[in-house]
Protein backbone atom coordinates (compact mmCIF):
# COMPACT_ATOMS: atom_id res chain seq x y z
CA MET A 1 -23.55 -4.39 -23.93
CA THR A 2 -23.95 -3.99 -20.18
CA VAL A 3 -21.25 -2.67 -17.85
CA ARG A 4 -20.90 -6.13 -16.33
CA ALA A 5 -20.42 -7.69 -19.76
CA VAL A 6 -17.78 -5.09 -20.68
CA ARG A 7 -15.90 -5.80 -17.47
CA ALA A 8 -16.06 -9.53 -18.14
CA VAL A 9 -14.66 -9.09 -21.64
CA SER A 10 -11.91 -6.76 -20.38
CA GLY A 11 -10.96 -9.24 -17.69
CA GLU A 12 -10.77 -12.06 -20.23
CA ILE A 13 -8.55 -9.95 -22.53
CA LEU A 14 -6.17 -9.20 -19.67
CA ARG A 15 -6.12 -12.90 -18.71
CA LEU A 16 -5.28 -13.94 -22.28
CA ARG A 17 -2.57 -11.27 -22.53
CA ALA A 18 -1.01 -12.46 -19.27
CA GLU A 19 -1.11 -16.07 -20.46
CA LEU A 20 0.50 -15.11 -23.78
CA GLU A 21 3.25 -13.22 -21.98
CA ARG A 22 3.80 -16.21 -19.66
CA VAL A 23 4.17 -18.57 -22.64
CA GLN A 24 6.49 -16.16 -24.44
CA GLY A 25 8.48 -15.69 -21.27
CA SER A 26 8.87 -19.45 -20.77
CA ARG A 27 10.44 -19.68 -24.23
CA LEU A 28 12.68 -16.69 -23.60
CA ASP A 29 13.86 -18.18 -20.29
CA LEU A 30 15.77 -20.81 -22.29
CA SER A 31 18.20 -18.25 -23.72
CA VAL A 32 18.07 -15.03 -21.72
CA LEU A 33 21.17 -13.58 -20.09
CA PRO A 34 20.89 -13.53 -16.30
CA VAL A 35 19.88 -10.53 -14.21
CA ALA A 36 19.65 -10.09 -10.45
CA PRO A 37 16.71 -12.04 -8.97
CA ALA A 38 15.14 -8.79 -7.78
CA LEU A 39 14.96 -7.58 -11.41
CA ALA A 40 14.08 -10.90 -13.05
CA GLY A 41 10.39 -10.70 -12.16
CA LEU A 42 10.09 -7.28 -13.79
CA LEU A 43 11.69 -8.12 -17.15
CA PRO A 44 10.01 -9.99 -20.02
CA GLY A 45 11.30 -13.55 -19.98
CA GLY A 46 13.07 -12.99 -16.66
CA GLY A 47 16.32 -11.71 -18.18
CA LEU A 48 18.02 -9.92 -21.08
CA ARG A 49 17.06 -11.46 -24.42
CA PRO A 50 19.96 -11.89 -26.87
CA GLY A 51 19.37 -9.83 -29.99
CA ALA A 52 17.17 -7.28 -28.20
CA ALA A 53 17.63 -3.63 -27.23
CA TYR A 54 16.57 -2.10 -23.91
CA SER A 55 15.99 1.58 -23.21
CA LEU A 56 17.25 2.72 -19.79
CA GLY A 57 16.80 5.82 -17.69
CA GLY A 58 19.80 7.87 -16.63
CA SER A 59 20.83 5.81 -13.58
CA MET A 60 24.36 4.42 -13.70
CA SER A 61 23.44 2.12 -10.80
CA LEU A 62 20.74 0.54 -12.95
CA LEU A 63 23.18 0.03 -15.81
CA SER A 64 25.78 -1.56 -13.51
CA ALA A 65 23.12 -3.80 -11.98
CA LEU A 66 22.22 -5.10 -15.45
CA LEU A 67 25.86 -5.59 -16.51
CA ALA A 68 26.94 -7.39 -13.34
CA PRO A 69 25.30 -10.85 -13.68
CA PRO A 70 26.21 -11.40 -17.38
CA SER A 71 29.82 -10.35 -16.76
CA ARG A 72 30.11 -12.66 -13.75
CA ALA A 73 28.61 -15.46 -15.85
CA GLY A 74 31.41 -15.04 -18.43
CA SER A 75 29.93 -12.60 -20.96
CA TRP A 76 32.09 -9.71 -22.16
CA CYS A 77 30.43 -6.30 -21.85
CA GLY A 78 31.20 -3.05 -23.65
CA VAL A 79 30.24 0.49 -22.59
CA VAL A 80 30.31 3.18 -25.28
CA GLY A 81 30.09 6.94 -24.71
CA MET A 82 29.64 6.93 -20.93
CA PRO A 83 32.65 8.60 -19.28
CA ALA A 84 30.62 9.01 -16.06
CA LEU A 85 30.58 5.25 -15.48
CA GLY A 86 33.26 4.69 -12.84
CA ALA A 87 35.13 1.39 -12.75
CA GLU A 88 35.18 1.38 -8.94
CA ALA A 89 31.41 1.86 -8.72
CA ALA A 90 30.82 -0.80 -11.39
CA GLU A 91 33.02 -3.28 -9.54
CA ARG A 92 31.21 -2.55 -6.27
CA ALA A 93 27.94 -3.34 -8.07
CA GLY A 94 29.33 -6.73 -9.05
CA VAL A 95 30.64 -6.11 -12.57
CA ASP A 96 33.66 -8.26 -13.48
CA LEU A 97 36.11 -5.60 -14.67
CA SER A 98 38.26 -8.22 -16.42
CA ARG A 99 35.34 -8.65 -18.86
CA LEU A 100 34.48 -4.97 -19.28
CA VAL A 101 35.54 -2.86 -22.29
CA LEU A 102 35.21 0.93 -21.84
CA ILE A 103 35.10 3.36 -24.78
CA PRO A 104 34.36 6.68 -23.01
CA ASP A 105 34.61 8.97 -26.05
CA PRO A 106 33.78 7.26 -29.36
CA GLY A 107 33.54 10.59 -31.20
CA PRO A 108 30.87 11.56 -33.74
CA ARG A 109 30.80 8.03 -35.21
CA TRP A 110 29.52 6.55 -31.96
CA LEU A 111 26.84 4.54 -33.75
CA ALA A 112 29.41 2.88 -36.04
CA VAL A 113 31.58 2.14 -33.00
CA THR A 114 28.59 0.62 -31.18
CA ALA A 115 27.69 -1.53 -34.19
CA THR A 116 31.28 -2.74 -34.50
CA ILE A 117 31.52 -3.62 -30.80
CA ALA A 118 28.18 -5.45 -31.07
CA GLU A 119 29.80 -7.76 -33.62
CA VAL A 120 32.15 -9.23 -31.01
CA LEU A 121 30.71 -8.59 -27.54
CA PRO A 122 27.47 -10.19 -26.26
CA VAL A 123 26.42 -7.16 -24.16
CA VAL A 124 26.88 -3.53 -25.24
CA ALA A 125 25.74 -0.38 -23.45
CA ALA A 126 25.71 2.94 -25.29
CA ARG A 127 24.62 6.51 -24.82
CA PRO A 128 23.50 8.14 -28.10
CA ALA A 129 25.48 11.28 -28.86
CA SER A 130 22.94 12.40 -31.46
CA ARG A 131 19.53 11.55 -32.83
CA VAL A 132 19.40 8.19 -34.61
CA ARG A 133 17.42 7.68 -37.79
CA ASP A 134 14.86 4.89 -37.85
CA ALA A 135 16.69 3.25 -40.75
CA ASP A 136 19.93 3.12 -38.74
CA ILE A 137 18.09 1.64 -35.75
CA SER A 138 16.61 -1.04 -37.98
CA ARG A 139 20.01 -1.93 -39.44
CA LEU A 140 21.53 -2.15 -35.97
CA ALA A 141 18.58 -4.24 -34.76
CA ALA A 142 19.22 -6.72 -37.57
CA ARG A 143 22.88 -6.95 -36.54
CA LEU A 144 21.91 -7.50 -32.92
CA ARG A 145 19.59 -10.35 -33.89
CA ASP A 146 22.22 -11.88 -36.15
CA ARG A 147 24.92 -11.81 -33.46
CA GLY A 148 22.65 -12.38 -30.45
CA THR A 149 23.92 -9.18 -28.80
CA VAL A 150 22.05 -7.36 -26.04
CA LEU A 151 22.02 -3.56 -26.41
CA LEU A 152 21.43 -1.34 -23.36
CA VAL A 153 20.73 2.24 -24.45
CA HIS A 154 20.84 5.20 -22.08
CA GLY A 155 17.89 7.17 -23.39
CA PRO A 156 14.90 6.61 -25.71
CA TRP A 157 15.27 3.91 -28.35
CA ALA A 158 12.81 2.77 -30.99
CA GLN A 159 12.14 -0.99 -31.24
CA ALA A 160 13.19 -1.52 -27.61
CA GLU A 161 12.23 -4.82 -26.04
CA ALA A 162 11.51 -2.93 -22.82
CA VAL A 163 11.92 0.48 -21.22
CA ILE A 164 13.49 0.33 -17.74
CA ASP A 165 13.56 3.39 -15.51
CA VAL A 166 13.86 4.35 -11.85
CA ALA A 167 12.08 6.96 -9.74
CA GLU A 168 11.27 8.00 -6.17
CA PRO A 169 14.74 7.44 -4.68
CA HIS A 170 15.21 7.38 -0.92
CA TRP A 171 18.69 7.22 0.59
CA SER A 172 19.36 5.80 4.06
CA GLY A 173 22.25 5.99 6.48
CA LEU A 174 22.48 9.68 7.35
CA GLY A 175 21.51 10.90 10.80
CA ASP A 176 21.17 14.54 11.84
CA GLY A 177 23.90 15.83 9.55
CA TYR A 178 26.29 12.90 9.97
CA GLY A 179 26.77 9.24 9.02
CA HIS A 180 27.31 7.31 5.77
CA LEU A 181 24.94 6.74 2.87
CA ASP A 182 24.60 2.95 2.91
CA GLY A 183 21.80 2.22 0.45
CA ARG A 184 19.06 3.63 -1.73
CA GLU A 185 15.51 2.41 -2.15
CA LEU A 186 13.67 3.32 -5.35
CA THR A 187 10.93 2.25 -7.73
CA VAL A 188 11.93 0.36 -10.88
CA THR A 189 9.37 0.47 -13.70
CA VAL A 190 9.51 -1.78 -16.75
CA SER A 191 7.27 -1.17 -19.77
CA SER A 192 7.16 -3.66 -22.63
CA ARG A 193 4.93 -4.56 -25.54
CA ARG A 194 4.83 -8.04 -23.99
CA PHE A 195 3.04 -6.71 -20.91
CA PRO A 196 -0.61 -5.60 -20.73
CA ARG A 197 0.56 -2.90 -18.29
CA PRO A 198 3.91 -1.70 -16.83
CA ARG A 199 5.51 -3.67 -14.00
CA ARG A 200 6.82 -1.86 -10.94
CA GLY A 201 8.87 -2.91 -7.95
CA ARG A 202 10.40 -1.18 -4.96
CA LEU A 203 14.07 -2.25 -4.82
CA LEU A 204 17.33 -1.44 -3.08
CA LEU A 205 19.62 -0.05 -5.79
CA PRO A 206 22.30 0.06 -4.62
CA ALA A 207 21.90 -2.07 -1.51
CA ALA A 208 24.45 -1.97 1.30
CA ASP A 209 26.75 -4.36 -0.60
CA GLY A 210 26.48 -2.36 -3.83
CA GLY A 211 24.13 -4.79 -5.56
CA VAL A 212 20.36 -4.83 -6.08
CA ARG A 213 17.79 -6.65 -3.99
CA ALA A 214 14.22 -6.45 -2.75
CA PRO A 215 13.66 -4.63 0.57
CA GLU A 216 12.95 -6.73 3.64
CA ILE A 217 9.43 -6.55 5.03
CA GLY A 218 8.95 -5.30 8.56
CA GLY A 219 10.83 -2.99 10.86
CA SER A 220 10.74 0.77 10.90
CA SER A 221 12.50 0.96 7.54
CA SER A 222 12.86 -1.86 5.01
CA ILE A 223 16.03 -0.38 3.57
CA ASP A 224 17.60 -0.05 7.02
CA ALA A 225 16.82 -3.70 7.75
CA VAL A 226 18.71 -4.83 4.67
CA ALA A 227 21.58 -2.47 5.30
CA ALA A 228 21.98 -3.85 8.80
CA ILE A 229 22.59 -7.39 7.58
CA GLY A 230 24.56 -6.50 4.44
CA SER A 231 28.28 -6.02 4.04
CA PRO A 232 29.90 -2.82 5.38
CA ALA A 233 29.13 0.36 3.49
CA PRO A 234 31.87 1.83 1.27
CA SER A 235 34.21 4.22 3.01
CA LEU A 236 33.29 7.14 0.80
CA ARG A 237 32.01 10.51 1.81
CA PRO A 238 28.24 10.87 1.21
CA VAL A 239 28.56 13.12 -1.85
CA GLU A 240 31.14 10.80 -3.44
CA TRP A 241 29.03 7.70 -2.83
CA MET A 242 25.96 9.39 -4.32
CA ARG A 243 27.92 10.52 -7.39
CA GLU A 244 29.50 7.07 -7.88
CA ALA A 245 26.11 5.35 -7.60
CA GLY A 246 24.50 7.54 -10.26
């Protein structure tokens, strides 16, 4: 087979994969939980699929950004084993605290606590306190599918619908040793078995208003352009704002 023929076949395979993902996504769109528009284009189906688990990197800002739209839409959310998640920072990111259940220290039976919470809440975030056996993951996955619960895991997780992580952060707002941190631009990468290749996007997380959005095009700095038109930055000292954002 010639090089041209190989390239033609590879291109057709990628086209078919993209079409399959589009069809699958159109079905998932009917039932997914909402996410911020800036994240929707990166996730399979454009949102969080009930009954699925997602593996997240260590960013608390990313977690808050995923919890905010479902909580505002009326879904109760639970966070298990994450004492570093601050209520003030979560609220600034848009999370409805009246629909947020925090269990900072579930103890050694964190997996049982997570499974129990998943029985009654539609969105549950958890940080594994120990290695999880494949059999336990499979049992929890069956419970998630049965209840239609979304599981957001801080760390690696087998059978994840997608892996979502952030990298290359760039903060704005500080001058020559003074000023306020008013936003952070970073790269969000989503890998999924539904994609032929990972999806990446440069986003503001958090933006000046604490939420997540795509940078504006043009100007000397896209993040500065958004910060200029956003709501006022929080009145926190730079180190506090960075720690709250995660």
